Amino acid sequence: MKKLLFITLLLFLSSPVIAQQHTWGSKVVKNVAPKTLTVVTAYPNPFSTETRVNFNSTVRQTVTFTVKNLLGNTVYMERINAKKGRNYVPFKRDNLQNGMYIYSLQTDTEIVSKRLVIR
């Protein structure tokens, strides 16, 4: 449990700062980069041999797909040239052990991380 909390903290701290807050009088103005990745899912999840990570991109961009174990070690990484609209990344288990992993999609402005289970 401590390892999972530590990894979550590392993921949180390693994400780029994308929001700034300014106060002008009593009015708060926020500058937030727009989300470019939406509807991020893995199907099937849990899986035994392979799965597919689906996502929508609002712009053409390079996306880094990473899978990490619960110790924070990167076990798979791939760069994808995402087109505007629906995209997917096929992922095969290969020699990975059964268990929980964290997959993430990272752009220049955001990181989306979710859980992946191999059984």
PDB file of N, CA and C in Angstrom:
ATOM      1  N   MET A   1       0.823  -1.184   0.000  1.00  0.00           N
ATOM      2  CA  MET A   1       0.000   0.000   0.000  1.00  0.00           C
ATOM      3  C   MET A   1       0.874   1.257   0.000  1.00  0.00           C
ATOM      4  N   LYS A   2       1.984   1.218   0.764  1.00  0.00           N
ATOM      5  CA  LYS A   2       2.881   2.372   0.812  1.00  0.00           C
ATOM      6  C   LYS A   2       3.499   2.625  -0.554  1.00  0.00           C
ATOM      7  N   LYS A   3       3.819   1.541  -1.282  1.00  0.00           N
ATOM      8  CA  LYS A   3       4.416   1.686  -2.603  1.00  0.00           C
ATOM      9  C   LYS A   3       3.444   2.353  -3.559  1.00  0.00           C
ATOM     10  N   LEU A   4       2.167   1.953  -3.510  1.00  0.00           N
ATOM     11  CA  LEU A   4       1.157   2.535  -4.371  1.00  0.00           C
ATOM     12  C   LEU A   4       0.984   4.020  -4.079  1.00  0.00           C
ATOM     13  N   LEU A   5       0.961   4.396  -2.816  1.00  0.00           N
ATOM     14  CA  LEU A   5       0.854   5.805  -2.455  1.00  0.00           C
ATOM     15  C   LEU A   5       2.077   6.582  -2.929  1.00  0.00           C
ATOM     16  N   PHE A   6       3.251   5.985  -2.802  1.00  0.00           N
ATOM     17  CA  PHE A   6       4.485   6.624  -3.243  1.00  0.00           C
ATOM     18  C   PHE A   6       4.465   6.851  -4.752  1.00  0.00           C
ATOM     19  N   ILE A   7       4.032   5.845  -5.515  1.00  0.00           N
ATOM     20  CA  ILE A   7       3.975   5.965  -6.969  1.00  0.00           C
ATOM     21  C   ILE A   7       2.959   7.019  -7.377  1.00  0.00           C
ATOM     22  N   THR A   8       1.818   7.035  -6.720  1.00  0.00           N
ATOM     23  CA  THR A   8       0.810   8.045  -7.010  1.00  0.00           C
ATOM     24  C   THR A   8       1.363   9.439  -6.749  1.00  0.00           C
ATOM     25  N   LEU A   9       2.083   9.598  -5.655  1.00  0.00           N
ATOM     26  CA  LEU A   9       2.697  10.878  -5.335  1.00  0.00           C
ATOM     27  C   LEU A   9       3.724  11.269  -6.397  1.00  0.00           C
ATOM     28  N   LEU A  10       4.545  10.314  -6.842  1.00  0.00           N
ATOM     29  CA  LEU A  10       5.532  10.599  -7.883  1.00  0.00           C
ATOM     30  C   LEU A  10       4.868  11.017  -9.183  1.00  0.00           C
ATOM     31  N   LEU A  11       3.787  10.321  -9.575  1.00  0.00           N
ATOM     32  CA  LEU A  11       3.073  10.693 -10.793  1.00  0.00           C
ATOM     33  C   LEU A  11       2.501  12.094 -10.673  1.00  0.00           C
ATOM     34  N   PHE A  12       1.973  12.419  -9.511  1.00  0.00           N
ATOM     35  CA  PHE A  12       1.393  13.741  -9.285  1.00  0.00           C
ATOM     36  C   PHE A  12       2.460  14.824  -9.343  1.00  0.00           C
ATOM     37  N   LEU A  13       3.595  14.568  -8.712  1.00  0.00           N
ATOM     38  CA  LEU A  13       4.645  15.572  -8.665  1.00  0.00           C
ATOM     39  C   LEU A  13       5.383  15.716  -9.993  1.00  0.00           C
ATOM     40  N   SER A  14       5.392  14.665 -10.815  1.00  0.00           N
ATOM     41  CA  SER A  14       6.109  14.742 -12.083  1.00  0.00           C
ATOM     42  C   SER A  14       5.277  15.365 -13.194  1.00  0.00           C
ATOM     43  N   SER A  15       3.993  15.576 -12.963  1.00  0.00           N
ATOM     44  CA  SER A  15       3.164  16.176 -14.010  1.00  0.00           C
ATOM     45  C   SER A  15       3.488  17.656 -14.143  1.00  0.00           C
ATOM     46  N   PRO A  16       3.450  18.168 -15.378  1.00  0.00           N
ATOM     47  CA  PRO A  16       3.788  19.581 -15.580  1.00  0.00           C
ATOM     48  C   PRO A  16       2.732  20.492 -14.971  1.00  0.00           C
ATOM     49  N   VAL A  17       3.190  21.639 -14.526  1.00  0.00           N
ATOM     50  CA  VAL A  17       2.257  22.617 -13.965  1.00  0.00           C
ATOM     51  C   VAL A  17       1.563  23.297 -15.132  1.00  0.00           C
ATOM     52  N   ILE A  18       0.225  23.189 -15.184  1.00  0.00           N
ATOM     53  CA  ILE A  18      -0.498  23.747 -16.315  1.00  0.00           C
ATOM     54  C   ILE A  18      -1.513  24.796 -15.896  1.00  0.00           C
ATOM     55  N   ALA A  19      -1.612  25.064 -14.624  1.00  0.00           N
ATOM     56  CA  ALA A  19      -2.595  26.054 -14.200  1.00  0.00           C
ATOM     57  C   ALA A  19      -1.913  27.136 -13.386  1.00  0.00           C
ATOM     58  N   GLN A  20      -2.284  28.353 -13.657  1.00  0.00           N
ATOM     59  CA  GLN A  20      -1.810  29.478 -12.884  1.00  0.00           C
ATOM     60  C   GLN A  20      -3.035  30.252 -12.432  1.00  0.00           C
ATOM     61  N   GLN A  21      -2.946  30.850 -11.272  1.00  0.00           N
ATOM     62  CA  GLN A  21      -4.082  31.586 -10.747  1.00  0.00           C
ATOM     63  C   GLN A  21      -3.635  32.997 -10.408  1.00  0.00           C
ATOM     64  N   HIS A  22      -4.374  33.973 -10.902  1.00  0.00           N
ATOM     65  CA  HIS A  22      -4.090  35.372 -10.634  1.00  0.00           C
ATOM     66  C   HIS A  22      -5.315  35.998  -9.984  1.00  0.00           C
ATOM     67  N   THR A  23      -5.095  36.864  -9.034  1.00  0.00           N
ATOM     68  CA  THR A  23      -6.205  37.564  -8.395  1.00  0.00           C
ATOM     69  C   THR A  23      -6.138  39.031  -8.783  1.00  0.00           C
ATOM     70  N   TRP A  24      -7.191  39.520  -9.383  1.00  0.00           N
ATOM     71  CA  TRP A  24      -7.315  40.925  -9.754  1.00  0.00           C
ATOM     72  C   TRP A  24      -8.475  41.479  -8.950  1.00  0.00           C
ATOM     73  N   GLY A  25      -8.170  42.171  -7.860  1.00  0.00           N
ATOM     74  CA  GLY A  25      -9.243  42.632  -6.970  1.00  0.00           C
ATOM     75  C   GLY A  25      -9.880  41.428  -6.317  1.00  0.00           C
ATOM     76  N   SER A  26     -11.174  41.271  -6.501  1.00  0.00           N
ATOM     77  CA  SER A  26     -11.866  40.114  -5.942  1.00  0.00           C
ATOM     78  C   SER A  26     -12.163  39.070  -7.007  1.00  0.00           C
ATOM     79  N   LYS A  27     -11.704  39.310  -8.237  1.00  0.00           N
ATOM     80  CA  LYS A  27     -11.965  38.394  -9.341  1.00  0.00           C
ATOM     81  C   LYS A  27     -10.773  37.458  -9.530  1.00  0.00           C
ATOM     82  N   VAL A  28     -11.022  36.165  -9.663  1.00  0.00           N
ATOM     83  CA  VAL A  28      -9.974  35.172  -9.868  1.00  0.00           C
ATOM     84  C   VAL A  28      -9.965  34.788 -11.344  1.00  0.00           C
ATOM     85  N   VAL A  29      -8.788  34.871 -11.953  1.00  0.00           N
ATOM     86  CA  VAL A  29      -8.617  34.514 -13.359  1.00  0.00           C
ATOM     87  C   VAL A  29      -7.698  33.304 -13.413  1.00  0.00           C
ATOM     88  N   LYS A  30      -8.125  32.238 -14.110  1.00  0.00           N
ATOM     89  CA  LYS A  30      -7.312  31.028 -14.226  1.00  0.00           C
ATOM     90  C   LYS A  30      -6.879  30.837 -15.671  1.00  0.00           C
ATOM     91  N   ASN A  31      -5.584  30.563 -15.844  1.00  0.00           N
ATOM     92  CA  ASN A  31      -5.049  30.218 -17.155  1.00  0.00           C
ATOM     93  C   ASN A  31      -4.790  28.725 -17.155  1.00  0.00           C
ATOM     94  N   VAL A  32      -5.617  27.964 -17.861  1.00  0.00           N
ATOM     95  CA  VAL A  32      -5.492  26.514 -17.878  1.00  0.00           C
ATOM     96  C   VAL A  32      -5.353  26.059 -19.328  1.00  0.00           C
ATOM     97  N   ALA A  33      -4.353  25.222 -19.583  1.00  0.00           N
ATOM     98  CA  ALA A  33      -4.192  24.664 -20.926  1.00  0.00           C
ATOM     99  C   ALA A  33      -5.376  23.753 -21.216  1.00  0.00           C
ATOM    100  N   PRO A  34      -5.952  23.821 -22.395  1.00  0.00           N
ATOM    101  CA  PRO A  34      -7.104  22.973 -22.710  1.00  0.00           C
ATOM    102  C   PRO A  34      -6.702  21.505 -22.770  1.00  0.00           C
ATOM    103  N   LYS A  35      -7.628  20.646 -22.381  1.00  0.00           N
ATOM    104  CA  LYS A  35      -7.377  19.207 -22.459  1.00  0.00           C
ATOM    105  C   LYS A  35      -7.344  18.789 -23.916  1.00  0.00           C
ATOM    106  N   THR A  36      -6.361  17.980 -24.254  1.00  0.00           N
ATOM    107  CA  THR A  36      -6.263  17.480 -25.627  1.00  0.00           C
ATOM    108  C   THR A  36      -6.525  15.981 -25.711  1.00  0.00           C
ATOM    109  N   LEU A  37      -6.514  15.285 -24.567  1.00  0.00           N
ATOM    110  CA  LEU A  37      -6.814  13.852 -24.525  1.00  0.00           C
ATOM    111  C   LEU A  37      -8.113  13.642 -23.764  1.00  0.00           C
ATOM    112  N   THR A  38      -9.044  12.945 -24.387  1.00  0.00           N
ATOM    113  CA  THR A  38     -10.316  12.664 -23.725  1.00  0.00           C
ATOM    114  C   THR A  38     -10.682  11.207 -23.952  1.00  0.00           C
ATOM    115  N   VAL A  39     -11.629  10.726 -23.184  1.00  0.00           N
ATOM    116  CA  VAL A  39     -12.171   9.374 -23.291  1.00  0.00           C
ATOM    117  C   VAL A  39     -11.051   8.337 -23.367  1.00  0.00           C
ATOM    118  N   VAL A  40     -10.229   8.283 -22.333  1.00  0.00           N
ATOM    119  CA  VAL A  40      -9.118   7.332 -22.278  1.00  0.00           C
ATOM    120  C   VAL A  40      -9.607   6.060 -21.591  1.00  0.00           C
ATOM    121  N   THR A  41      -9.586   4.938 -22.314  1.00  0.00           N
ATOM    122  CA  THR A  41     -10.027   3.651 -21.764  1.00  0.00           C
ATOM    123  C   THR A  41      -9.149   2.532 -22.305  1.00  0.00           C
ATOM    124  N   ALA A  42      -9.089   1.442 -21.552  1.00  0.00           N
ATOM    125  CA  ALA A  42      -8.421   0.226 -22.018  1.00  0.00           C
ATOM    126  C   ALA A  42      -9.471  -0.872 -22.072  1.00  0.00           C
ATOM    127  N   TYR A  43      -9.553  -1.580 -23.191  1.00  0.00           N
ATOM    128  CA  TYR A  43     -10.523  -2.656 -23.323  1.00  0.00           C
ATOM    129  C   TYR A  43      -9.871  -3.822 -24.037  1.00  0.00           C
ATOM    130  N   PRO A  44      -9.983  -5.031 -23.535  1.00  0.00           N
ATOM    131  CA  PRO A  44     -10.553  -5.381 -22.229  1.00  0.00           C
ATOM    132  C   PRO A  44      -9.578  -5.056 -21.101  1.00  0.00           C
ATOM    133  N   ASN A  45     -10.119  -4.845 -19.953  1.00  0.00           N
ATOM    134  CA  ASN A  45      -9.334  -4.584 -18.745  1.00  0.00           C
ATOM    135  C   ASN A  45     -10.142  -5.081 -17.555  1.00  0.00           C
ATOM    136  N   PRO A  46      -9.707  -6.130 -16.883  1.00  0.00           N
ATOM    137  CA  PRO A  46      -8.455  -6.879 -16.977  1.00  0.00           C
ATOM    138  C   PRO A  46      -8.368  -7.686 -18.274  1.00  0.00           C
ATOM    139  N   PHE A  47      -7.127  -8.052 -18.635  1.00  0.00           N
ATOM    140  CA  PHE A  47      -6.895  -8.830 -19.843  1.00  0.00           C
ATOM    141  C   PHE A  47      -5.852  -9.903 -19.548  1.00  0.00           C
ATOM    142  N   SER A  48      -5.768 -10.893 -20.467  1.00  0.00           N
ATOM    143  CA  SER A  48      -4.801 -11.966 -20.246  1.00  0.00           C
ATOM    144  C   SER A  48      -3.675 -11.946 -21.277  1.00  0.00           C
ATOM    145  N   THR A  49      -3.942 -11.601 -22.541  1.00  0.00           N
ATOM    146  CA  THR A  49      -2.871 -11.609 -23.539  1.00  0.00           C
ATOM    147  C   THR A  49      -2.639 -10.235 -24.178  1.00  0.00           C
ATOM    148  N   GLU A  50      -3.721  -9.536 -24.534  1.00  0.00           N
ATOM    149  CA  GLU A  50      -3.555  -8.210 -25.119  1.00  0.00           C
ATOM    150  C   GLU A  50      -4.783  -7.351 -24.870  1.00  0.00           C
ATOM    151  N   THR A  51      -4.559  -6.053 -24.918  1.00  0.00           N
ATOM    152  CA  THR A  51      -5.624  -5.075 -24.737  1.00  0.00           C
ATOM    153  C   THR A  51      -5.410  -3.940 -25.720  1.00  0.00           C
ATOM    154  N   ARG A  52      -6.324  -3.003 -25.710  1.00  0.00           N
ATOM    155  CA  ARG A  52      -6.245  -1.858 -26.612  1.00  0.00           C
ATOM    156  C   ARG A  52      -6.584  -0.605 -25.816  1.00  0.00           C
ATOM    157  N   VAL A  53      -5.693   0.356 -25.801  1.00  0.00           N
ATOM    158  CA  VAL A  53      -5.919   1.620 -25.100  1.00  0.00           C
ATOM    159  C   VAL A  53      -6.480   2.601 -26.124  1.00  0.00           C
ATOM    160  N   ASN A  54      -7.708   3.042 -25.890  1.00  0.00           N
ATOM    161  CA  ASN A  54      -8.406   3.953 -26.793  1.00  0.00           C
ATOM    162  C   ASN A  54      -8.407   5.355 -26.208  1.00  0.00           C
ATOM    163  N   PHE A  55      -8.282   6.361 -27.062  1.00  0.00           N
ATOM    164  CA  PHE A  55      -8.370   7.743 -26.602  1.00  0.00           C
ATOM    165  C   PHE A  55      -8.739   8.654 -27.766  1.00  0.00           C
ATOM    166  N   ASN A  56      -9.309   9.785 -27.430  1.00  0.00           N
ATOM    167  CA  ASN A  56      -9.602  10.819 -28.411  1.00  0.00           C
ATOM    168  C   ASN A  56      -8.600  11.938 -28.236  1.00  0.00           C
ATOM    169  N   SER A  57      -8.157  12.500 -29.343  1.00  0.00           N
ATOM    170  CA  SER A  57      -7.239  13.636 -29.321  1.00  0.00           C
ATOM    171  C   SER A  57      -7.923  14.800 -30.031  1.00  0.00           C
ATOM    172  N   THR A  58      -7.884  15.963 -29.423  1.00  0.00           N
ATOM    173  CA  THR A  58      -8.523  17.130 -30.035  1.00  0.00           C
ATOM    174  C   THR A  58      -7.638  17.788 -31.080  1.00  0.00           C
ATOM    175  N   VAL A  59      -6.352  17.401 -31.130  1.00  0.00           N
ATOM    176  CA  VAL A  59      -5.399  17.942 -32.108  1.00  0.00           C
ATOM    177  C   VAL A  59      -4.434  16.844 -32.544  1.00  0.00           C
ATOM    178  N   ARG A  60      -3.733  17.070 -33.659  1.00  0.00           N
ATOM    179  CA  ARG A  60      -2.637  16.167 -34.049  1.00  0.00           C
ATOM    180  C   ARG A  60      -1.471  16.445 -33.118  1.00  0.00           C
ATOM    181  N   GLN A  61      -0.907  15.395 -32.533  1.00  0.00           N
ATOM    182  CA  GLN A  61       0.174  15.591 -31.574  1.00  0.00           C
ATOM    183  C   GLN A  61       0.914  14.277 -31.343  1.00  0.00           C
ATOM    184  N   THR A  62       2.092  14.395 -30.756  1.00  0.00           N
ATOM    185  CA  THR A  62       2.847  13.218 -30.347  1.00  0.00           C
ATOM    186  C   THR A  62       2.448  12.870 -28.923  1.00  0.00           C
ATOM    187  N   VAL A  63       2.094  11.598 -28.708  1.00  0.00           N
ATOM    188  CA  VAL A  63       1.677  11.106 -27.401  1.00  0.00           C
ATOM    189  C   VAL A  63       2.631   9.992 -26.992  1.00  0.00           C
ATOM    190  N   THR A  64       3.104  10.045 -25.757  1.00  0.00           N
ATOM    191  CA  THR A  64       3.965   8.989 -25.238  1.00  0.00           C
ATOM    192  C   THR A  64       3.118   8.052 -24.383  1.00  0.00           C
ATOM    193  N   PHE A  65       3.062   6.786 -24.792  1.00  0.00           N
ATOM    194  CA  PHE A  65       2.326   5.752 -24.062  1.00  0.00           C
ATOM    195  C   PHE A  65       3.328   4.993 -23.206  1.00  0.00           C
ATOM    196  N   THR A  66       3.098   4.964 -21.891  1.00  0.00           N
ATOM    197  CA  THR A  66       4.017   4.322 -20.959  1.00  0.00           C
ATOM    198  C   THR A  66       3.250   3.376 -20.048  1.00  0.00           C
ATOM    199  N   VAL A  67       3.836   2.217 -19.775  1.00  0.00           N
ATOM    200  CA  VAL A  67       3.287   1.277 -18.793  1.00  0.00           C
ATOM    201  C   VAL A  67       4.344   1.097 -17.718  1.00  0.00           C
ATOM    202  N   LYS A  68       3.924   1.272 -16.448  1.00  0.00           N
ATOM    203  CA  LYS A  68       4.846   1.115 -15.320  1.00  0.00           C
ATOM    204  C   LYS A  68       4.288   0.090 -14.351  1.00  0.00           C
ATOM    205  N   ASN A  69       5.205  -0.619 -13.680  1.00  0.00           N
ATOM    206  CA  ASN A  69       4.758  -1.526 -12.627  1.00  0.00           C
ATOM    207  C   ASN A  69       4.525  -0.715 -11.356  1.00  0.00           C
ATOM    208  N   LEU A  70       4.077  -1.371 -10.295  1.00  0.00           N
ATOM    209  CA  LEU A  70       3.740  -0.643  -9.072  1.00  0.00           C
ATOM    210  C   LEU A  70       4.954  -0.143  -8.313  1.00  0.00           C
ATOM    211  N   LEU A  71       6.143  -0.545  -8.736  1.00  0.00           N
ATOM    212  CA  LEU A  71       7.364  -0.006  -8.141  1.00  0.00           C
ATOM    213  C   LEU A  71       7.819   1.257  -8.869  1.00  0.00           C
ATOM    214  N   GLY A  72       7.126   1.595  -9.962  1.00  0.00           N
ATOM    215  CA  GLY A  72       7.466   2.791 -10.720  1.00  0.00           C
ATOM    216  C   GLY A  72       8.437   2.548 -11.856  1.00  0.00           C
ATOM    217  N   ASN A  73       8.788   1.297 -12.090  1.00  0.00           N
ATOM    218  CA  ASN A  73       9.710   0.963 -13.180  1.00  0.00           C
ATOM    219  C   ASN A  73       8.955   0.921 -14.505  1.00  0.00           C
ATOM    220  N   THR A  74       9.489   1.561 -15.522  1.00  0.00           N
ATOM    221  CA  THR A  74       8.871   1.544 -16.846  1.00  0.00           C
ATOM    222  C   THR A  74       9.114   0.179 -17.483  1.00  0.00           C
ATOM    223  N   VAL A  75       8.022  -0.497 -17.854  1.00  0.00           N
ATOM    224  CA  VAL A  75       8.132  -1.817 -18.480  1.00  0.00           C
ATOM    225  C   VAL A  75       7.823  -1.759 -19.978  1.00  0.00           C
ATOM    226  N   TYR A  76       7.247  -0.637 -20.423  1.00  0.00           N
ATOM    227  CA  TYR A  76       6.945  -0.470 -21.846  1.00  0.00           C
ATOM    228  C   TYR A  76       6.780   1.014 -22.149  1.00  0.00           C
ATOM    229  N   MET A  77       7.300   1.443 -23.311  1.00  0.00           N
ATOM    230  CA  MET A  77       7.113   2.829 -23.720  1.00  0.00           C
ATOM    231  C   MET A  77       7.081   2.896 -25.245  1.00  0.00           C
ATOM    232  N   GLU A  78       6.180   3.734 -25.759  1.00  0.00           N
ATOM    233  CA  GLU A  78       6.038   3.891 -27.203  1.00  0.00           C
ATOM    234  C   GLU A  78       5.563   5.314 -27.500  1.00  0.00           C
ATOM    235  N   ARG A  79       6.089   5.902 -28.540  1.00  0.00           N
ATOM    236  CA  ARG A  79       5.627   7.227 -28.983  1.00  0.00           C
ATOM    237  C   ARG A  79       4.647   7.023 -30.138  1.00  0.00           C
ATOM    238  N   ILE A  80       3.533   7.752 -30.064  1.00  0.00           N
ATOM    239  CA  ILE A  80       2.481   7.622 -31.062  1.00  0.00           C
ATOM    240  C   ILE A  80       2.233   8.976 -31.693  1.00  0.00           C
ATOM    241  N   ASN A  81       2.097   9.006 -32.999  1.00  0.00           N
ATOM    242  CA  ASN A  81       1.668  10.224 -33.690  1.00  0.00           C
ATOM    243  C   ASN A  81       0.146  10.183 -33.758  1.00  0.00           C
ATOM    244  N   ALA A  82      -0.498  10.837 -32.804  1.00  0.00           N
ATOM    245  CA  ALA A  82      -1.955  10.802 -32.710  1.00  0.00           C
ATOM    246  C   ALA A  82      -2.559  11.768 -33.711  1.00  0.00           C
ATOM    247  N   LYS A  83      -3.611  11.328 -34.348  1.00  0.00           N
ATOM    248  CA  LYS A  83      -4.350  12.191 -35.263  1.00  0.00           C
ATOM    249  C   LYS A  83      -5.502  12.830 -34.499  1.00  0.00           C
ATOM    250  N   LYS A  84      -6.106  13.831 -35.054  1.00  0.00           N
ATOM    251  CA  LYS A  84      -7.269  14.446 -34.432  1.00  0.00           C
ATOM    252  C   LYS A  84      -8.425  13.455 -34.536  1.00  0.00           C
ATOM    253  N   GLY A  85      -9.056  13.166 -33.403  1.00  0.00           N
ATOM    254  CA  GLY A  85     -10.152  12.201 -33.389  1.00  0.00           C
ATOM    255  C   GLY A  85      -9.778  10.957 -32.593  1.00  0.00           C
ATOM    256  N   ARG A  86     -10.368   9.826 -32.984  1.00  0.00           N
ATOM    257  CA  ARG A  86     -10.152   8.564 -32.270  1.00  0.00           C
ATOM    258  C   ARG A  86      -8.804   7.950 -32.609  1.00  0.00           C
ATOM    259  N   ASN A  87      -8.143   7.440 -31.573  1.00  0.00           N
ATOM    260  CA  ASN A  87      -6.850   6.774 -31.709  1.00  0.00           C
ATOM    261  C   ASN A  87      -6.836   5.559 -30.786  1.00  0.00           C
ATOM    262  N   TYR A  88      -5.932   4.634 -31.059  1.00  0.00           N
ATOM    263  CA  TYR A  88      -5.756   3.508 -30.142  1.00  0.00           C
ATOM    264  C   TYR A  88      -4.326   3.013 -30.194  1.00  0.00           C
ATOM    265  N   VAL A  89      -3.944   2.346 -29.081  1.00  0.00           N
ATOM    266  CA  VAL A  89      -2.618   1.749 -28.963  1.00  0.00           C
ATOM    267  C   VAL A  89      -2.824   0.283 -28.582  1.00  0.00           C
ATOM    268  N   PRO A  90      -2.427  -0.664 -29.429  1.00  0.00           N
ATOM    269  CA  PRO A  90      -2.495  -2.070 -29.022  1.00  0.00           C
ATOM    270  C   PRO A  90      -1.358  -2.365 -28.038  1.00  0.00           C
ATOM    271  N   PHE A  91      -1.658  -3.148 -27.009  1.00  0.00           N
ATOM    272  CA  PHE A  91      -0.642  -3.482 -26.017  1.00  0.00           C
ATOM    273  C   PHE A  91      -0.708  -4.970 -25.729  1.00  0.00           C
ATOM    274  N   LYS A  92       0.415  -5.670 -25.950  1.00  0.00           N
ATOM    275  CA  LYS A  92       0.512  -7.111 -25.678  1.00  0.00           C
ATOM    276  C   LYS A  92       1.271  -7.331 -24.387  1.00  0.00           C
ATOM    277  N   ARG A  93       0.828  -8.289 -23.657  1.00  0.00           N
ATOM    278  CA  ARG A  93       1.401  -8.628 -22.353  1.00  0.00           C
ATOM    279  C   ARG A  93       2.860  -9.062 -22.452  1.00  0.00           C
ATOM    280  N   ASP A  94       3.214  -9.787 -23.494  1.00  0.00           N
ATOM    281  CA  ASP A  94       4.549 -10.366 -23.668  1.00  0.00           C
ATOM    282  C   ASP A  94       4.962 -11.133 -22.412  1.00  0.00           C
ATOM    283  N   ASN A  95       6.050 -10.744 -21.747  1.00  0.00           N
ATOM    284  CA  ASN A  95       6.543 -11.513 -20.599  1.00  0.00           C
ATOM    285  C   ASN A  95       6.190 -10.870 -19.260  1.00  0.00           C
ATOM    286  N   LEU A  96       5.205  -9.985 -19.217  1.00  0.00           N
ATOM    287  CA  LEU A  96       4.832  -9.338 -17.953  1.00  0.00           C
ATOM    288  C   LEU A  96       4.059 -10.305 -17.053  1.00  0.00           C
ATOM    289  N   GLN A  97       4.315 -10.195 -15.769  1.00  0.00           N
ATOM    290  CA  GLN A  97       3.643 -11.030 -14.773  1.00  0.00           C
ATOM    291  C   GLN A  97       2.207 -10.554 -14.562  1.00  0.00           C
ATOM    292  N   ASN A  98       1.361 -11.440 -14.003  1.00  0.00           N
ATOM    293  CA  ASN A  98       0.014 -11.041 -13.606  1.00  0.00           C
ATOM    294  C   ASN A  98       0.110  -9.943 -12.564  1.00  0.00           C
ATOM    295  N   GLY A  99      -0.834  -9.014 -12.583  1.00  0.00           N
ATOM    296  CA  GLY A  99      -0.841  -7.971 -11.568  1.00  0.00           C
ATOM    297  C   GLY A  99      -1.348  -6.652 -12.102  1.00  0.00           C
ATOM    298  N   MET A 100      -1.188  -5.613 -11.293  1.00  0.00           N
ATOM    299  CA  MET A 100      -1.663  -4.293 -11.647  1.00  0.00           C
ATOM    300  C   MET A 100      -0.502  -3.440 -12.157  1.00  0.00           C
ATOM    301  N   TYR A 101      -0.781  -2.657 -13.182  1.00  0.00           N
ATOM    302  CA  TYR A 101       0.175  -1.747 -13.784  1.00  0.00           C
ATOM    303  C   TYR A 101      -0.508  -0.394 -13.968  1.00  0.00           C
ATOM    304  N   ILE A 102       0.279   0.643 -14.146  1.00  0.00           N
ATOM    305  CA  ILE A 102      -0.245   1.974 -14.401  1.00  0.00           C
ATOM    306  C   ILE A 102       0.170   2.358 -15.813  1.00  0.00           C
ATOM    307  N   TYR A 103      -0.833   2.681 -16.651  1.00  0.00           N
ATOM    308  CA  TYR A 103      -0.491   3.160 -17.991  1.00  0.00           C
ATOM    309  C   TYR A 103      -0.776   4.650 -18.051  1.00  0.00           C
ATOM    310  N   SER A 104       0.004   5.351 -18.853  1.00  0.00           N
ATOM    311  CA  SER A 104      -0.214   6.791 -18.978  1.00  0.00           C
ATOM    312  C   SER A 104       0.001   7.228 -20.420  1.00  0.00           C
ATOM    313  N   LEU A 105      -0.748   8.255 -20.781  1.00  0.00           N
ATOM    314  CA  LEU A 105      -0.607   8.925 -22.060  1.00  0.00           C
ATOM    315  C   LEU A 105      -0.150  10.334 -21.742  1.00  0.00           C
ATOM    316  N   GLN A 106       0.980  10.743 -22.312  1.00  0.00           N
ATOM    317  CA  GLN A 106       1.550  12.046 -21.989  1.00  0.00           C
ATOM    318  C   GLN A 106       1.744  12.872 -23.256  1.00  0.00           C
ATOM    319  N   THR A 107       1.288  14.142 -23.194  1.00  0.00           N
ATOM    320  CA  THR A 107       1.513  15.108 -24.270  1.00  0.00           C
ATOM    321  C   THR A 107       2.409  16.210 -23.716  1.00  0.00           C
ATOM    322  N   ASP A 108       2.566  17.279 -24.462  1.00  0.00           N
ATOM    323  CA  ASP A 108       3.367  18.408 -23.982  1.00  0.00           C
ATOM    324  C   ASP A 108       2.707  19.128 -22.820  1.00  0.00           C
ATOM    325  N   THR A 109       1.384  19.012 -22.688  1.00  0.00           N
ATOM    326  CA  THR A 109       0.667  19.794 -21.678  1.00  0.00           C
ATOM    327  C   THR A 109      -0.070  18.980 -20.634  1.00  0.00           C
ATOM    328  N   GLU A 110      -0.153  17.666 -20.794  1.00  0.00           N
ATOM    329  CA  GLU A 110      -0.929  16.882 -19.833  1.00  0.00           C
ATOM    330  C   GLU A 110      -0.481  15.426 -19.770  1.00  0.00           C
ATOM    331  N   ILE A 111      -0.870  14.786 -18.666  1.00  0.00           N
ATOM    332  CA  ILE A 111      -0.641  13.360 -18.473  1.00  0.00           C
ATOM    333  C   ILE A 111      -1.946  12.757 -17.972  1.00  0.00           C
ATOM    334  N   VAL A 112      -2.389  11.678 -18.621  1.00  0.00           N
ATOM    335  CA  VAL A 112      -3.555  10.930 -18.169  1.00  0.00           C
ATOM    336  C   VAL A 112      -3.066   9.547 -17.788  1.00  0.00           C
ATOM    337  N   SER A 113      -3.281   9.165 -16.530  1.00  0.00           N
ATOM    338  CA  SER A 113      -2.828   7.860 -16.034  1.00  0.00           C
ATOM    339  C   SER A 113      -4.019   7.061 -15.534  1.00  0.00           C
ATOM    340  N   LYS A 114      -3.984   5.762 -15.814  1.00  0.00           N
ATOM    341  CA  LYS A 114      -5.043   4.850 -15.365  1.00  0.00           C
ATOM    342  C   LYS A 114      -4.448   3.492 -15.046  1.00  0.00           C
ATOM    343  N   ARG A 115      -5.278   2.640 -14.475  1.00  0.00           N
ATOM    344  CA  ARG A 115      -4.871   1.319 -14.005  1.00  0.00           C
ATOM    345  C   ARG A 115      -5.104   0.288 -15.098  1.00  0.00           C
ATOM    346  N   LEU A 116      -4.217  -0.696 -15.146  1.00  0.00           N
ATOM    347  CA  LEU A 116      -4.302  -1.792 -16.091  1.00  0.00           C
ATOM    348  C   LEU A 116      -4.036  -3.088 -15.326  1.00  0.00           C
ATOM    349  N   VAL A 117      -4.874  -4.091 -15.511  1.00  0.00           N
ATOM    350  CA  VAL A 117      -4.722  -5.344 -14.762  1.00  0.00           C
ATOM    351  C   VAL A 117      -4.510  -6.504 -15.730  1.00  0.00           C
ATOM    352  N   ILE A 118      -3.435  -7.258 -15.474  1.00  0.00           N
ATOM    353  CA  ILE A 118      -3.150  -8.470 -16.248  1.00  0.00           C
ATOM    354  C   ILE A 118      -3.480  -9.656 -15.361  1.00  0.00           C
ATOM    355  N   ARG A 119      -4.273 -10.570 -15.888  1.00  0.00           N
ATOM    356  CA  ARG A 119      -4.600 -11.774 -15.111  1.00  0.00           C
ATOM    357  C   ARG A 119      -4.199 -13.035 -15.820  1.00  0.00           C
TER     358      ARG A 119
END
